[in-house]
Amino acid sequence: MNKYNLQRAAKDDFFEFDPQSPLTPEQKTNFEGLYYFPVDEALRFEIEIERFEDPQEIRMQTSTGHLREFVRYGQLHFTVDGQDLTLTIYANQHGYFLPFVDAQAGKETYGAGRYLDPEVTEEGRLVLDFNLAYNPYCAYNDRDSCPLPPAENRLPVAIKAGEKNFK
């Protein structure tokens, strides 16, 4: 079993059995696992962060109307399906945070967007692996407050990797 399948199986177990799961008791009764795109290694990148000269603290709107603070840290440049793309990376006390919306939003993926929590390599590059893209907890219930991806992180291409819509 590859690392993606192991991670997905662990997440399914958490969602089904853990008291901290975002699923309601009713959702858990029929839960058969989350849905994912097949793993696509072409959607995994190691990228240099183009850090902003003066990273600014911002407040990101959430699904419940609250605001969450992040640092608008820098930009990531990469290519998907021949299109040059840019996403803004944010930071907080937990590390890097990358909320994004792709062309599949509202169709095969959650309409409000998905998240990535990129890691840093020993060389200081960022691992941008869309196979690890996941839905925010507000995709499963109305009680969670999730940051909404800013307009600058809307992609014109479909990212057919990571977690799909929850059915």
N, C-alpha and C. Protein backbone atom coordinates (compact mmCIF):
# COMPACT_ATOMS: atom_id res chain seq x y z
N MET A 1 0.85 -1.18 0.00
CA MET A 1 0.00 0.00 0.00
C MET A 1 0.90 1.24 0.00
N ASN A 2 0.63 2.18 -0.92
CA ASN A 2 1.47 3.37 -0.99
C ASN A 2 1.09 4.39 0.09
N LYS A 3 1.92 5.44 0.22
CA LYS A 3 1.71 6.41 1.29
C LYS A 3 0.36 7.11 1.19
N TYR A 4 -0.12 7.33 -0.03
CA TYR A 4 -1.41 7.99 -0.19
C TYR A 4 -2.54 7.09 0.31
N ASN A 5 -2.49 5.82 -0.06
CA ASN A 5 -3.53 4.89 0.39
C ASN A 5 -3.52 4.72 1.90
N LEU A 6 -2.33 4.69 2.51
CA LEU A 6 -2.24 4.59 3.96
C LEU A 6 -2.85 5.82 4.64
N GLN A 7 -2.52 6.99 4.11
CA GLN A 7 -3.05 8.22 4.68
C GLN A 7 -4.57 8.29 4.52
N ARG A 8 -5.07 7.88 3.37
CA ARG A 8 -6.51 7.91 3.12
C ARG A 8 -7.24 6.94 4.03
N ALA A 9 -6.69 5.75 4.24
CA ALA A 9 -7.31 4.76 5.13
C ALA A 9 -7.34 5.29 6.57
N ALA A 10 -6.26 5.93 7.00
CA ALA A 10 -6.21 6.49 8.35
C ALA A 10 -7.24 7.62 8.50
N LYS A 11 -7.40 8.42 7.48
CA LYS A 11 -8.38 9.51 7.54
C LYS A 11 -9.80 8.94 7.60
N ASP A 12 -10.07 7.91 6.81
CA ASP A 12 -11.38 7.27 6.85
C ASP A 12 -11.67 6.74 8.25
N ASP A 13 -10.69 6.09 8.88
CA ASP A 13 -10.87 5.58 10.24
C ASP A 13 -11.16 6.72 11.22
N PHE A 14 -10.42 7.81 11.09
CA PHE A 14 -10.65 8.97 11.95
C PHE A 14 -12.07 9.50 11.77
N PHE A 15 -12.48 9.68 10.51
CA PHE A 15 -13.81 10.23 10.25
C PHE A 15 -14.91 9.31 10.79
N GLU A 16 -14.72 8.00 10.70
CA GLU A 16 -15.76 7.07 11.11
C GLU A 16 -15.81 6.85 12.62
N PHE A 17 -14.65 6.83 13.27
CA PHE A 17 -14.61 6.38 14.66
C PHE A 17 -14.21 7.41 15.70
N ASP A 18 -13.49 8.45 15.32
CA ASP A 18 -12.97 9.39 16.32
C ASP A 18 -14.05 10.38 16.78
N PRO A 19 -14.11 10.66 18.08
CA PRO A 19 -15.08 11.63 18.59
C PRO A 19 -14.87 13.04 18.02
N GLN A 20 -13.67 13.34 17.54
CA GLN A 20 -13.37 14.66 16.97
C GLN A 20 -13.70 14.74 15.48
N SER A 21 -14.25 13.68 14.91
CA SER A 21 -14.61 13.64 13.50
C SER A 21 -15.59 14.77 13.16
N PRO A 22 -15.46 15.35 11.97
CA PRO A 22 -16.43 16.37 11.57
C PRO A 22 -17.78 15.79 11.16
N LEU A 23 -17.87 14.47 11.03
CA LEU A 23 -19.13 13.86 10.62
C LEU A 23 -20.12 13.82 11.78
N THR A 24 -21.38 14.00 11.45
CA THR A 24 -22.44 13.88 12.44
C THR A 24 -22.66 12.39 12.71
N PRO A 25 -23.31 12.05 13.82
CA PRO A 25 -23.62 10.63 14.07
C PRO A 25 -24.43 10.01 12.94
N GLU A 26 -25.33 10.77 12.35
CA GLU A 26 -26.12 10.26 11.23
C GLU A 26 -25.23 9.96 10.02
N GLN A 27 -24.27 10.85 9.73
CA GLN A 27 -23.36 10.64 8.60
C GLN A 27 -22.49 9.40 8.84
N LYS A 28 -22.12 9.17 10.07
CA LYS A 28 -21.25 8.03 10.38
C LYS A 28 -21.95 6.69 10.16
N THR A 29 -23.27 6.64 10.29
CA THR A 29 -23.98 5.36 10.16
C THR A 29 -23.85 4.77 8.76
N ASN A 30 -23.76 5.62 7.74
CA ASN A 30 -23.67 5.14 6.36
C ASN A 30 -22.30 5.42 5.73
N PHE A 31 -21.34 5.83 6.55
CA PHE A 31 -20.03 6.23 6.02
C PHE A 31 -19.26 5.03 5.49
N GLU A 32 -18.84 5.14 4.22
CA GLU A 32 -18.06 4.07 3.58
C GLU A 32 -16.70 4.57 3.12
N GLY A 33 -16.34 5.77 3.52
CA GLY A 33 -15.05 6.34 3.15
C GLY A 33 -15.21 7.58 2.30
N LEU A 34 -14.16 8.38 2.29
CA LEU A 34 -14.13 9.59 1.48
C LEU A 34 -13.79 9.22 0.04
N TYR A 35 -14.04 10.15 -0.86
CA TYR A 35 -13.81 9.93 -2.29
C TYR A 35 -12.59 10.74 -2.74
N TYR A 36 -11.77 10.10 -3.56
CA TYR A 36 -10.53 10.73 -4.02
C TYR A 36 -10.34 10.52 -5.52
N PHE A 37 -9.61 11.45 -6.12
CA PHE A 37 -9.12 11.26 -7.48
C PHE A 37 -7.98 10.24 -7.42
N PRO A 38 -7.71 9.55 -8.52
CA PRO A 38 -6.52 8.70 -8.54
C PRO A 38 -5.27 9.56 -8.33
N VAL A 39 -4.25 8.98 -7.72
CA VAL A 39 -3.00 9.71 -7.50
C VAL A 39 -2.38 10.08 -8.84
N ASP A 40 -1.94 11.33 -8.95
CA ASP A 40 -1.32 11.84 -10.17
C ASP A 40 0.00 12.51 -9.78
N GLU A 41 1.10 11.81 -10.00
CA GLU A 41 2.42 12.34 -9.62
C GLU A 41 2.76 13.64 -10.35
N ALA A 42 2.11 13.90 -11.49
CA ALA A 42 2.36 15.16 -12.22
C ALA A 42 1.82 16.36 -11.45
N LEU A 43 1.00 16.11 -10.43
CA LEU A 43 0.45 17.19 -9.63
C LEU A 43 1.13 17.30 -8.27
N ARG A 44 2.38 16.86 -8.23
CA ARG A 44 3.24 17.02 -7.05
C ARG A 44 4.45 17.84 -7.48
N PHE A 45 4.70 18.92 -6.79
CA PHE A 45 5.77 19.85 -7.15
C PHE A 45 6.64 20.14 -5.93
N GLU A 46 7.93 20.39 -6.19
CA GLU A 46 8.81 20.98 -5.18
C GLU A 46 9.17 22.35 -5.72
N ILE A 47 8.78 23.39 -5.00
CA ILE A 47 8.81 24.75 -5.52
C ILE A 47 9.53 25.68 -4.55
N GLU A 48 10.24 26.62 -5.12
CA GLU A 48 10.80 27.72 -4.32
C GLU A 48 9.67 28.69 -3.99
N ILE A 49 9.63 29.14 -2.75
CA ILE A 49 8.66 30.17 -2.38
C ILE A 49 9.22 31.52 -2.80
N GLU A 50 8.44 32.25 -3.57
CA GLU A 50 8.80 33.63 -3.89
C GLU A 50 8.23 34.49 -2.76
N ARG A 51 9.06 34.70 -1.75
CA ARG A 51 8.60 35.38 -0.53
C ARG A 51 8.36 36.85 -0.80
N PHE A 52 7.26 37.37 -0.26
CA PHE A 52 6.98 38.79 -0.39
C PHE A 52 8.01 39.57 0.42
N GLU A 53 8.41 40.74 -0.10
CA GLU A 53 9.39 41.56 0.62
C GLU A 53 8.89 41.98 1.98
N ASP A 54 7.60 42.26 2.06
CA ASP A 54 7.01 42.71 3.31
C ASP A 54 5.73 41.91 3.57
N PRO A 55 5.86 40.67 4.09
CA PRO A 55 4.66 39.86 4.33
C PRO A 55 3.68 40.59 5.26
N GLN A 56 2.44 40.63 4.85
CA GLN A 56 1.42 41.36 5.59
C GLN A 56 0.49 40.42 6.34
N GLU A 57 0.07 40.84 7.54
CA GLU A 57 -0.97 40.09 8.25
C GLU A 57 -2.29 40.44 7.59
N ILE A 58 -3.09 39.40 7.36
CA ILE A 58 -4.40 39.61 6.76
C ILE A 58 -5.44 38.87 7.59
N ARG A 59 -6.67 39.20 7.35
CA ARG A 59 -7.79 38.49 7.97
C ARG A 59 -8.56 37.81 6.84
N MET A 60 -8.68 36.52 6.95
CA MET A 60 -9.36 35.73 5.94
C MET A 60 -10.78 35.43 6.42
N GLN A 61 -11.75 35.70 5.56
CA GLN A 61 -13.16 35.42 5.85
C GLN A 61 -13.36 33.92 6.03
N THR A 62 -14.25 33.54 6.95
CA THR A 62 -14.56 32.12 7.14
C THR A 62 -15.99 31.83 6.71
N SER A 63 -16.30 30.55 6.65
CA SER A 63 -17.63 30.10 6.22
C SER A 63 -18.74 30.54 7.17
N THR A 64 -18.41 30.91 8.39
CA THR A 64 -19.43 31.36 9.34
C THR A 64 -19.41 32.87 9.55
N GLY A 65 -18.65 33.58 8.73
CA GLY A 65 -18.61 35.04 8.82
C GLY A 65 -17.56 35.59 9.77
N HIS A 66 -16.79 34.71 10.41
CA HIS A 66 -15.72 35.17 11.28
C HIS A 66 -14.48 35.49 10.45
N LEU A 67 -13.47 35.99 11.11
CA LEU A 67 -12.20 36.29 10.45
C LEU A 67 -11.09 35.52 11.13
N ARG A 68 -10.16 34.99 10.33
CA ARG A 68 -8.98 34.30 10.87
C ARG A 68 -7.74 35.04 10.37
N GLU A 69 -6.75 35.15 11.25
CA GLU A 69 -5.53 35.87 10.90
C GLU A 69 -4.48 34.93 10.32
N PHE A 70 -3.87 35.41 9.25
CA PHE A 70 -2.77 34.72 8.58
C PHE A 70 -1.77 35.76 8.12
N VAL A 71 -0.59 35.29 7.79
CA VAL A 71 0.41 36.15 7.15
C VAL A 71 0.42 35.79 5.67
N ARG A 72 0.23 36.78 4.84
CA ARG A 72 0.31 36.60 3.38
C ARG A 72 1.81 36.54 3.06
N TYR A 73 2.32 35.33 2.94
CA TYR A 73 3.75 35.06 3.00
C TYR A 73 4.48 35.18 1.67
N GLY A 74 3.93 34.58 0.61
CA GLY A 74 4.63 34.60 -0.67
C GLY A 74 3.81 33.94 -1.76
N GLN A 75 4.46 33.71 -2.90
CA GLN A 75 3.77 33.10 -4.04
C GLN A 75 4.49 31.84 -4.49
N LEU A 76 3.69 30.96 -5.10
CA LEU A 76 4.19 29.72 -5.68
C LEU A 76 3.83 29.73 -7.16
N HIS A 77 4.80 29.41 -8.00
CA HIS A 77 4.58 29.38 -9.44
C HIS A 77 4.80 27.95 -9.92
N PHE A 78 3.87 27.44 -10.72
CA PHE A 78 3.94 26.07 -11.23
C PHE A 78 3.10 25.98 -12.50
N THR A 79 3.18 24.86 -13.17
CA THR A 79 2.46 24.67 -14.44
C THR A 79 1.61 23.41 -14.37
N VAL A 80 0.34 23.54 -14.78
CA VAL A 80 -0.58 22.41 -14.88
C VAL A 80 -1.24 22.48 -16.25
N ASP A 81 -1.23 21.38 -16.95
CA ASP A 81 -1.85 21.30 -18.29
C ASP A 81 -1.38 22.43 -19.21
N GLY A 82 -0.09 22.75 -19.13
CA GLY A 82 0.49 23.77 -19.99
C GLY A 82 0.19 25.20 -19.58
N GLN A 83 -0.52 25.39 -18.48
CA GLN A 83 -0.83 26.74 -18.02
C GLN A 83 0.05 27.11 -16.83
N ASP A 84 0.67 28.28 -16.92
CA ASP A 84 1.45 28.80 -15.81
C ASP A 84 0.50 29.35 -14.77
N LEU A 85 0.66 28.89 -13.54
CA LEU A 85 -0.26 29.25 -12.46
C LEU A 85 0.49 29.83 -11.27
N THR A 86 -0.21 30.62 -10.48
CA THR A 86 0.35 31.21 -9.28
C THR A 86 -0.68 31.09 -8.15
N LEU A 87 -0.20 30.67 -7.00
CA LEU A 87 -1.01 30.67 -5.79
C LEU A 87 -0.27 31.42 -4.70
N THR A 88 -1.02 32.06 -3.84
CA THR A 88 -0.43 32.74 -2.69
C THR A 88 -0.43 31.78 -1.50
N ILE A 89 0.70 31.70 -0.83
CA ILE A 89 0.85 30.84 0.35
C ILE A 89 0.73 31.73 1.59
N TYR A 90 0.05 31.19 2.59
CA TYR A 90 -0.16 31.91 3.84
C TYR A 90 0.54 31.15 4.96
N ALA A 91 0.78 31.83 6.06
CA ALA A 91 1.43 31.20 7.20
C ALA A 91 0.71 31.62 8.48
N ASN A 92 0.79 30.73 9.46
CA ASN A 92 0.33 31.05 10.81
C ASN A 92 1.19 30.24 11.78
N GLN A 93 0.79 30.17 13.04
CA GLN A 93 1.61 29.49 14.04
C GLN A 93 1.74 27.99 13.77
N HIS A 94 0.89 27.42 12.92
CA HIS A 94 0.93 25.99 12.62
C HIS A 94 1.77 25.66 11.40
N GLY A 95 2.22 26.67 10.66
CA GLY A 95 3.01 26.42 9.46
C GLY A 95 2.38 27.08 8.24
N TYR A 96 2.61 26.49 7.09
CA TYR A 96 2.08 27.03 5.84
C TYR A 96 0.67 26.52 5.59
N PHE A 97 -0.12 27.36 4.93
CA PHE A 97 -1.51 27.06 4.64
C PHE A 97 -1.81 27.53 3.22
N LEU A 98 -2.40 26.64 2.43
CA LEU A 98 -2.70 26.97 1.04
C LEU A 98 -4.15 26.63 0.71
N PRO A 99 -5.05 27.61 0.86
CA PRO A 99 -6.42 27.40 0.43
C PRO A 99 -6.53 27.72 -1.06
N PHE A 100 -7.29 26.92 -1.79
CA PHE A 100 -7.44 27.18 -3.22
C PHE A 100 -8.78 26.68 -3.73
N VAL A 101 -9.20 27.25 -4.86
CA VAL A 101 -10.39 26.81 -5.57
C VAL A 101 -9.94 26.52 -7.00
N ASP A 102 -10.35 25.36 -7.51
CA ASP A 102 -10.00 25.03 -8.90
C ASP A 102 -11.26 25.00 -9.75
N ALA A 103 -11.10 24.70 -11.04
CA ALA A 103 -12.21 24.71 -11.99
C ALA A 103 -13.22 23.59 -11.72
N GLN A 104 -12.90 22.65 -10.84
CA GLN A 104 -13.81 21.56 -10.49
C GLN A 104 -14.72 21.92 -9.31
N ALA A 105 -14.48 23.05 -8.68
CA ALA A 105 -15.24 23.44 -7.48
C ALA A 105 -16.73 23.47 -7.79
N GLY A 106 -17.48 22.79 -6.94
CA GLY A 106 -18.92 22.72 -7.12
C GLY A 106 -19.36 21.59 -8.04
N LYS A 107 -18.40 20.96 -8.67
CA LYS A 107 -18.69 19.81 -9.54
C LYS A 107 -18.16 18.56 -8.86
N GLU A 108 -16.88 18.27 -9.10
CA GLU A 108 -16.27 17.09 -8.48
C GLU A 108 -15.62 17.40 -7.14
N THR A 109 -15.34 18.67 -6.88
CA THR A 109 -14.70 19.06 -5.62
C THR A 109 -15.61 20.02 -4.85
N TYR A 110 -15.30 20.18 -3.57
CA TYR A 110 -16.10 21.03 -2.70
C TYR A 110 -16.16 22.46 -3.25
N GLY A 111 -17.37 23.01 -3.32
CA GLY A 111 -17.59 24.30 -3.96
C GLY A 111 -16.83 25.46 -3.37
N ALA A 112 -16.60 25.44 -2.06
CA ALA A 112 -15.90 26.55 -1.41
C ALA A 112 -14.39 26.41 -1.48
N GLY A 113 -13.89 25.30 -2.04
CA GLY A 113 -12.45 25.13 -2.18
C GLY A 113 -11.89 24.04 -1.29
N ARG A 114 -10.60 23.81 -1.47
CA ARG A 114 -9.89 22.80 -0.70
C ARG A 114 -8.62 23.41 -0.13
N TYR A 115 -7.94 22.62 0.70
CA TYR A 115 -6.74 23.09 1.39
C TYR A 115 -5.57 22.16 1.14
N LEU A 116 -4.38 22.74 1.29
CA LEU A 116 -3.12 22.00 1.37
C LEU A 116 -2.32 22.57 2.54
N ASP A 117 -1.57 21.70 3.20
CA ASP A 117 -0.66 22.11 4.26
C ASP A 117 0.75 21.71 3.81
N PRO A 118 1.35 22.50 2.92
CA PRO A 118 2.64 22.11 2.34
C PRO A 118 3.75 22.00 3.38
N GLU A 119 4.65 21.08 3.12
CA GLU A 119 5.82 20.89 3.98
C GLU A 119 7.05 21.47 3.29
N VAL A 120 8.07 21.72 4.07
CA VAL A 120 9.32 22.27 3.55
C VAL A 120 10.36 21.16 3.50
N THR A 121 11.07 21.08 2.37
CA THR A 121 12.14 20.09 2.24
C THR A 121 13.38 20.58 2.98
N GLU A 122 14.36 19.69 3.13
CA GLU A 122 15.62 20.08 3.79
C GLU A 122 16.31 21.19 3.03
N GLU A 123 16.05 21.28 1.72
CA GLU A 123 16.67 22.32 0.89
C GLU A 123 15.90 23.63 0.94
N GLY A 124 14.80 23.67 1.68
CA GLY A 124 14.04 24.90 1.81
C GLY A 124 12.97 25.09 0.75
N ARG A 125 12.73 24.07 -0.07
CA ARG A 125 11.68 24.15 -1.09
C ARG A 125 10.36 23.68 -0.47
N LEU A 126 9.27 24.10 -1.07
CA LEU A 126 7.95 23.71 -0.58
C LEU A 126 7.43 22.53 -1.39
N VAL A 127 6.89 21.53 -0.72
CA VAL A 127 6.27 20.39 -1.40
C VAL A 127 4.79 20.73 -1.58
N LEU A 128 4.42 20.94 -2.82
CA LEU A 128 3.05 21.25 -3.20
C LEU A 128 2.49 19.99 -3.87
N ASP A 129 1.79 19.17 -3.08
CA ASP A 129 1.30 17.88 -3.55
C ASP A 129 -0.23 17.91 -3.54
N PHE A 130 -0.80 18.15 -4.71
CA PHE A 130 -2.26 18.25 -4.81
C PHE A 130 -2.95 16.91 -4.53
N ASN A 131 -2.21 15.81 -4.54
CA ASN A 131 -2.79 14.52 -4.16
C ASN A 131 -3.20 14.52 -2.69
N LEU A 132 -2.67 15.47 -1.93
CA LEU A 132 -2.99 15.60 -0.51
C LEU A 132 -4.04 16.69 -0.24
N ALA A 133 -4.60 17.28 -1.31
CA ALA A 133 -5.62 18.31 -1.14
C ALA A 133 -6.82 17.72 -0.40
N TYR A 134 -7.34 18.48 0.54
CA TYR A 134 -8.44 17.98 1.36
C TYR A 134 -9.52 19.04 1.53
N ASN A 135 -10.72 18.55 1.85
CA ASN A 135 -11.85 19.43 2.09
C ASN A 135 -11.77 19.99 3.51
N PRO A 136 -12.18 21.24 3.68
CA PRO A 136 -12.28 21.77 5.04
C PRO A 136 -13.44 21.10 5.77
N TYR A 137 -13.41 21.14 7.09
CA TYR A 137 -14.45 20.49 7.88
C TYR A 137 -15.85 21.02 7.58
N CYS A 138 -15.96 22.27 7.14
CA CYS A 138 -17.29 22.82 6.84
C CYS A 138 -17.92 22.13 5.63
N ALA A 139 -17.18 21.30 4.91
CA ALA A 139 -17.75 20.52 3.81
C ALA A 139 -18.63 19.40 4.34
N TYR A 140 -18.49 19.07 5.62
CA TYR A 140 -19.21 17.95 6.22
C TYR A 140 -20.30 18.38 7.19
N ASN A 141 -20.22 19.61 7.71
CA ASN A 141 -21.21 20.06 8.68
C ASN A 141 -21.25 21.58 8.71
N ASP A 142 -22.26 22.13 9.35
CA ASP A 142 -22.42 23.59 9.44
C ASP A 142 -21.82 24.19 10.70
N ARG A 143 -21.30 23.36 11.60
CA ARG A 143 -20.81 23.90 12.88
C ARG A 143 -19.36 24.38 12.83
N ASP A 144 -18.60 23.94 11.82
CA ASP A 144 -17.20 24.36 11.73
C ASP A 144 -17.06 25.66 10.95
N SER A 145 -16.09 26.44 11.32
CA SER A 145 -15.80 27.71 10.68
C SER A 145 -14.50 27.57 9.90
N CYS A 146 -14.59 27.63 8.58
CA CYS A 146 -13.44 27.34 7.73
C CYS A 146 -13.03 28.57 6.92
N PRO A 147 -11.73 28.88 6.86
CA PRO A 147 -11.28 29.98 6.02
C PRO A 147 -11.66 29.73 4.56
N LEU A 148 -12.14 30.78 3.91
CA LEU A 148 -12.51 30.68 2.49
C LEU A 148 -11.33 31.13 1.63
N PRO A 149 -10.99 30.38 0.60
CA PRO A 149 -9.87 30.78 -0.24
C PRO A 149 -10.09 32.17 -0.85
N PRO A 150 -9.10 33.05 -0.71
CA PRO A 150 -9.20 34.38 -1.31
C PRO A 150 -9.26 34.30 -2.84
N ALA A 151 -9.77 35.36 -3.45
CA ALA A 151 -9.91 35.42 -4.90
C ALA A 151 -8.59 35.17 -5.62
N GLU A 152 -7.48 35.59 -5.03
CA GLU A 152 -6.18 35.40 -5.68
C GLU A 152 -5.78 33.93 -5.78
N ASN A 153 -6.48 33.05 -5.07
CA ASN A 153 -6.17 31.62 -5.12
C ASN A 153 -7.23 30.81 -5.85
N ARG A 154 -7.83 31.41 -6.87
CA ARG A 154 -8.76 30.71 -7.75
C ARG A 154 -8.01 30.33 -9.02
N LEU A 155 -8.01 29.03 -9.30
CA LEU A 155 -7.29 28.52 -10.46
C LEU A 155 -8.25 28.28 -11.62
N PRO A 156 -7.84 28.62 -12.85
CA PRO A 156 -8.69 28.43 -14.02
C PRO A 156 -8.66 26.99 -14.56
N VAL A 157 -7.87 26.13 -13.93
CA VAL A 157 -7.74 24.74 -14.39
C VAL A 157 -8.32 23.79 -13.35
N ALA A 158 -8.64 22.60 -13.80
CA ALA A 158 -9.12 21.56 -12.89
C ALA A 158 -7.91 20.87 -12.27
N ILE A 159 -7.95 20.73 -10.97
CA ILE A 159 -6.92 19.98 -10.25
C ILE A 159 -7.55 18.64 -9.87
N LYS A 160 -7.36 17.65 -10.71
CA LYS A 160 -7.99 16.34 -10.50
C LYS A 160 -7.07 15.47 -9.66
N ALA A 161 -6.93 15.89 -8.42
CA ALA A 161 -6.10 15.18 -7.44
C ALA A 161 -6.65 15.51 -6.06
N GLY A 162 -6.40 14.60 -5.13
CA GLY A 162 -6.83 14.82 -3.77
C GLY A 162 -8.28 14.45 -3.55
N GLU A 163 -8.84 15.03 -2.51
CA GLU A 163 -10.19 14.68 -2.07
C GLU A 163 -11.27 15.28 -2.97
N LYS A 164 -12.29 14.47 -3.23
CA LYS A 164 -13.45 14.91 -4.00
C LYS A 164 -14.56 15.37 -3.06
N ASN A 165 -15.68 15.78 -3.64
CA ASN A 165 -16.87 16.14 -2.87
C ASN A 165 -17.27 15.01 -1.94
N PHE A 166 -17.81 15.38 -0.80
CA PHE A 166 -18.37 14.40 0.12
C PHE A 166 -19.83 14.17 -0.29
N LYS A 167 -20.21 12.92 -0.45
CA LYS A 167 -21.56 12.62 -0.92
C LYS A 167 -22.42 12.18 0.23
